[in-house]
Amino acid sequence: MTPLEQYFRGNDAWRSFVAAVDGGAPASPTLQRALGDDVELARVVSFIIGPTAEEWITKQVPALDGLTPIECVATGKTERLKTMLMRM
């Protein structure tokens, strides 16, 4: 299987995506900390996943090759997570 991060369209595309989905409400501090204090990532996860975001980031996701979103951040595979979120 090809790693999803190979399809990452770059930081400019990510920032455009963040601007498009950012509802303005801040993510919870717990979610933000769990995602490496990445404010943009936490806001996008919160917006897309909704009220179960804090639980979702601890679950293995098939699209992430079985990693949890937290593992993606911890292992430097953030682009994999961002690509998945941009495709949702």
N, C-alpha and C. Protein backbone atom coordinates (compact mmCIF):
# COMPACT_ATOMS: atom_id res chain seq x y z
N MET A 1 0.85 -1.18 0.00
CA MET A 1 0.00 0.00 0.00
C MET A 1 0.90 1.25 0.00
N THR A 2 0.53 2.23 -0.77
CA THR A 2 1.29 3.48 -0.86
C THR A 2 0.92 4.39 0.30
N PRO A 3 1.92 4.91 1.00
CA PRO A 3 1.61 5.83 2.10
C PRO A 3 0.84 7.05 1.60
N LEU A 4 -0.17 7.40 2.32
CA LEU A 4 -1.05 8.50 1.96
C LEU A 4 -0.32 9.84 1.85
N GLU A 5 0.74 10.02 2.64
CA GLU A 5 1.43 11.31 2.63
C GLU A 5 2.07 11.63 1.28
N GLN A 6 2.23 10.62 0.43
CA GLN A 6 2.79 10.89 -0.89
C GLN A 6 1.87 11.81 -1.69
N TYR A 7 0.59 11.88 -1.29
CA TYR A 7 -0.38 12.72 -1.99
C TYR A 7 -0.58 14.08 -1.32
N PHE A 8 0.22 14.38 -0.31
CA PHE A 8 0.12 15.68 0.37
C PHE A 8 0.43 16.77 -0.64
N ARG A 9 -0.46 17.75 -0.76
CA ARG A 9 -0.32 18.79 -1.78
C ARG A 9 0.48 20.00 -1.30
N GLY A 10 1.06 19.91 -0.14
CA GLY A 10 1.92 20.99 0.34
C GLY A 10 1.25 21.86 1.39
N ASN A 11 2.08 22.67 2.03
CA ASN A 11 1.60 23.51 3.13
C ASN A 11 0.65 24.61 2.67
N ASP A 12 0.84 25.13 1.47
CA ASP A 12 -0.08 26.16 0.98
C ASP A 12 -1.49 25.58 0.82
N ALA A 13 -1.57 24.37 0.26
CA ALA A 13 -2.87 23.70 0.12
C ALA A 13 -3.48 23.42 1.49
N TRP A 14 -2.64 23.01 2.44
CA TRP A 14 -3.13 22.75 3.80
C TRP A 14 -3.70 24.03 4.41
N ARG A 15 -2.97 25.14 4.30
CA ARG A 15 -3.45 26.40 4.87
C ARG A 15 -4.75 26.85 4.22
N SER A 16 -4.88 26.65 2.92
CA SER A 16 -6.14 26.98 2.23
C SER A 16 -7.28 26.12 2.76
N PHE A 17 -6.99 24.84 2.98
CA PHE A 17 -8.00 23.93 3.52
C PHE A 17 -8.40 24.36 4.92
N VAL A 18 -7.42 24.69 5.74
CA VAL A 18 -7.70 25.15 7.11
C VAL A 18 -8.61 26.36 7.07
N ALA A 19 -8.31 27.31 6.21
CA ALA A 19 -9.12 28.53 6.10
C ALA A 19 -10.55 28.21 5.66
N ALA A 20 -10.70 27.20 4.82
CA ALA A 20 -12.02 26.84 4.31
C ALA A 20 -12.88 26.12 5.34
N VAL A 21 -12.27 25.32 6.20
CA VAL A 21 -13.07 24.54 7.15
C VAL A 21 -13.07 25.09 8.56
N ASP A 22 -12.22 26.04 8.83
CA ASP A 22 -12.11 26.56 10.19
C ASP A 22 -13.38 27.32 10.56
N GLY A 23 -14.13 26.75 11.47
CA GLY A 23 -15.36 27.37 11.90
C GLY A 23 -15.17 28.49 12.90
N GLY A 24 -13.93 28.77 13.27
CA GLY A 24 -13.67 29.86 14.18
C GLY A 24 -13.65 29.46 15.64
N ALA A 25 -14.31 28.36 15.97
CA ALA A 25 -14.32 27.91 17.36
C ALA A 25 -13.01 27.19 17.66
N PRO A 26 -12.37 27.53 18.76
CA PRO A 26 -11.12 26.85 19.09
C PRO A 26 -11.36 25.40 19.48
N ALA A 27 -10.37 24.58 19.18
CA ALA A 27 -10.42 23.18 19.61
C ALA A 27 -10.17 23.12 21.11
N SER A 28 -10.56 22.04 21.72
CA SER A 28 -10.34 21.91 23.16
C SER A 28 -8.83 21.87 23.43
N PRO A 29 -8.41 22.39 24.58
CA PRO A 29 -6.99 22.33 24.93
C PRO A 29 -6.46 20.90 24.98
N THR A 30 -7.28 19.96 25.39
CA THR A 30 -6.87 18.55 25.45
C THR A 30 -6.57 18.03 24.06
N LEU A 31 -7.45 18.32 23.11
CA LEU A 31 -7.25 17.89 21.73
C LEU A 31 -6.00 18.54 21.15
N GLN A 32 -5.85 19.81 21.39
CA GLN A 32 -4.68 20.53 20.87
C GLN A 32 -3.37 19.96 21.41
N ARG A 33 -3.32 19.71 22.72
CA ARG A 33 -2.12 19.11 23.32
C ARG A 33 -1.82 17.74 22.75
N ALA A 34 -2.87 16.92 22.59
CA ALA A 34 -2.70 15.56 22.08
C ALA A 34 -2.17 15.55 20.65
N LEU A 35 -2.44 16.62 19.91
CA LEU A 35 -1.98 16.72 18.53
C LEU A 35 -0.74 17.59 18.42
N GLY A 36 0.08 17.55 19.44
CA GLY A 36 1.37 18.22 19.41
C GLY A 36 1.29 19.73 19.45
N ASP A 37 0.24 20.26 20.04
CA ASP A 37 0.02 21.71 20.13
C ASP A 37 -0.10 22.37 18.76
N ASP A 38 -0.54 21.60 17.77
CA ASP A 38 -0.78 22.14 16.43
C ASP A 38 -2.20 22.69 16.39
N VAL A 39 -2.32 24.00 16.49
CA VAL A 39 -3.62 24.65 16.57
C VAL A 39 -4.46 24.37 15.32
N GLU A 40 -3.83 24.52 14.15
CA GLU A 40 -4.58 24.30 12.91
C GLU A 40 -5.08 22.86 12.80
N LEU A 41 -4.23 21.92 13.09
CA LEU A 41 -4.61 20.52 13.01
C LEU A 41 -5.74 20.22 13.99
N ALA A 42 -5.63 20.71 15.20
CA ALA A 42 -6.67 20.48 16.20
C ALA A 42 -8.01 21.09 15.76
N ARG A 43 -7.97 22.28 15.18
CA ARG A 43 -9.22 22.91 14.72
C ARG A 43 -9.86 22.12 13.58
N VAL A 44 -9.05 21.64 12.65
CA VAL A 44 -9.58 20.86 11.53
C VAL A 44 -10.17 19.55 12.03
N VAL A 45 -9.45 18.85 12.89
CA VAL A 45 -9.97 17.59 13.44
C VAL A 45 -11.27 17.84 14.18
N SER A 46 -11.30 18.88 14.98
CA SER A 46 -12.51 19.21 15.73
C SER A 46 -13.68 19.51 14.79
N PHE A 47 -13.42 20.25 13.73
CA PHE A 47 -14.47 20.62 12.78
C PHE A 47 -14.98 19.40 12.01
N ILE A 48 -14.06 18.58 11.51
CA ILE A 48 -14.45 17.45 10.67
C ILE A 48 -15.04 16.30 11.48
N ILE A 49 -14.42 15.97 12.59
CA ILE A 49 -14.85 14.81 13.38
C ILE A 49 -15.99 15.17 14.32
N GLY A 50 -15.96 16.39 14.83
CA GLY A 50 -17.05 16.84 15.71
C GLY A 50 -16.81 16.50 17.17
N PRO A 51 -17.90 16.31 17.91
CA PRO A 51 -17.82 16.14 19.36
C PRO A 51 -17.03 14.92 19.82
N THR A 52 -16.82 13.96 18.96
CA THR A 52 -16.08 12.76 19.36
C THR A 52 -14.59 12.82 18.97
N ALA A 53 -14.11 14.01 18.62
CA ALA A 53 -12.73 14.16 18.14
C ALA A 53 -11.69 13.66 19.14
N GLU A 54 -11.87 13.97 20.42
CA GLU A 54 -10.89 13.53 21.43
C GLU A 54 -10.82 12.02 21.53
N GLU A 55 -11.92 11.36 21.32
CA GLU A 55 -11.94 9.89 21.32
C GLU A 55 -11.38 9.35 20.00
N TRP A 56 -11.76 9.97 18.88
CA TRP A 56 -11.34 9.52 17.56
C TRP A 56 -9.82 9.51 17.39
N ILE A 57 -9.13 10.50 17.94
CA ILE A 57 -7.68 10.59 17.75
C ILE A 57 -6.92 9.44 18.42
N THR A 58 -7.59 8.66 19.25
CA THR A 58 -6.95 7.53 19.93
C THR A 58 -7.25 6.20 19.25
N LYS A 59 -8.04 6.23 18.18
CA LYS A 59 -8.45 4.99 17.50
C LYS A 59 -7.62 4.78 16.24
N GLN A 60 -7.34 3.51 15.96
CA GLN A 60 -6.64 3.17 14.73
C GLN A 60 -7.55 3.47 13.54
N VAL A 61 -6.96 4.09 12.53
CA VAL A 61 -7.72 4.49 11.34
C VAL A 61 -7.14 3.74 10.14
N PRO A 62 -7.95 2.93 9.47
CA PRO A 62 -7.44 2.18 8.32
C PRO A 62 -6.77 3.07 7.26
N ALA A 63 -7.32 4.24 7.00
CA ALA A 63 -6.74 5.14 6.00
C ALA A 63 -5.35 5.65 6.40
N LEU A 64 -5.03 5.54 7.68
CA LEU A 64 -3.71 5.95 8.18
C LEU A 64 -2.80 4.73 8.34
N ASP A 65 -3.10 3.68 7.62
CA ASP A 65 -2.37 2.42 7.70
C ASP A 65 -2.38 1.85 9.11
N GLY A 66 -3.53 2.01 9.78
CA GLY A 66 -3.70 1.43 11.10
C GLY A 66 -3.16 2.26 12.25
N LEU A 67 -2.57 3.40 11.95
CA LEU A 67 -2.09 4.28 13.02
C LEU A 67 -3.26 5.08 13.59
N THR A 68 -3.08 5.57 14.80
CA THR A 68 -4.03 6.53 15.35
C THR A 68 -3.56 7.92 14.93
N PRO A 69 -4.44 8.90 14.90
CA PRO A 69 -3.99 10.25 14.60
C PRO A 69 -2.88 10.73 15.55
N ILE A 70 -2.96 10.35 16.82
CA ILE A 70 -1.91 10.74 17.77
C ILE A 70 -0.57 10.11 17.37
N GLU A 71 -0.60 8.85 16.93
CA GLU A 71 0.64 8.19 16.49
C GLU A 71 1.21 8.87 15.25
N CYS A 72 0.35 9.33 14.36
CA CYS A 72 0.84 10.05 13.17
C CYS A 72 1.64 11.28 13.59
N VAL A 73 1.11 12.02 14.53
CA VAL A 73 1.79 13.23 15.00
C VAL A 73 3.09 12.86 15.71
N ALA A 74 3.02 11.86 16.57
CA ALA A 74 4.18 11.48 17.39
C ALA A 74 5.33 10.89 16.55
N THR A 75 5.00 10.29 15.40
CA THR A 75 6.03 9.65 14.59
C THR A 75 6.42 10.46 13.36
N GLY A 76 5.97 11.71 13.29
CA GLY A 76 6.33 12.56 12.16
C GLY A 76 5.56 12.27 10.89
N LYS A 77 4.43 11.60 11.01
CA LYS A 77 3.61 11.30 9.85
C LYS A 77 2.39 12.23 9.78
N THR A 78 2.60 13.47 10.17
CA THR A 78 1.51 14.45 10.19
C THR A 78 0.95 14.69 8.80
N GLU A 79 1.80 14.64 7.78
CA GLU A 79 1.31 14.84 6.41
C GLU A 79 0.32 13.76 6.01
N ARG A 80 0.50 12.55 6.53
CA ARG A 80 -0.45 11.47 6.27
C ARG A 80 -1.81 11.82 6.84
N LEU A 81 -1.82 12.30 8.07
CA LEU A 81 -3.06 12.70 8.73
C LEU A 81 -3.70 13.88 8.01
N LYS A 82 -2.91 14.86 7.66
CA LYS A 82 -3.45 16.05 6.96
C LYS A 82 -4.03 15.66 5.61
N THR A 83 -3.37 14.78 4.89
CA THR A 83 -3.89 14.34 3.58
C THR A 83 -5.22 13.65 3.76
N MET A 84 -5.32 12.77 4.75
CA MET A 84 -6.58 12.09 4.99
C MET A 84 -7.70 13.08 5.30
N LEU A 85 -7.40 14.04 6.17
CA LEU A 85 -8.42 15.02 6.55
C LEU A 85 -8.85 15.86 5.34
N MET A 86 -7.91 16.20 4.48
CA MET A 86 -8.24 16.99 3.30
C MET A 86 -9.08 16.20 2.30
N ARG A 87 -9.03 14.88 2.39
CA ARG A 87 -9.81 14.04 1.48
C ARG A 87 -11.17 13.67 2.06
N MET A 88 -11.43 14.04 3.27
CA MET A 88 -12.72 13.68 3.90
C MET A 88 -13.81 14.64 3.47
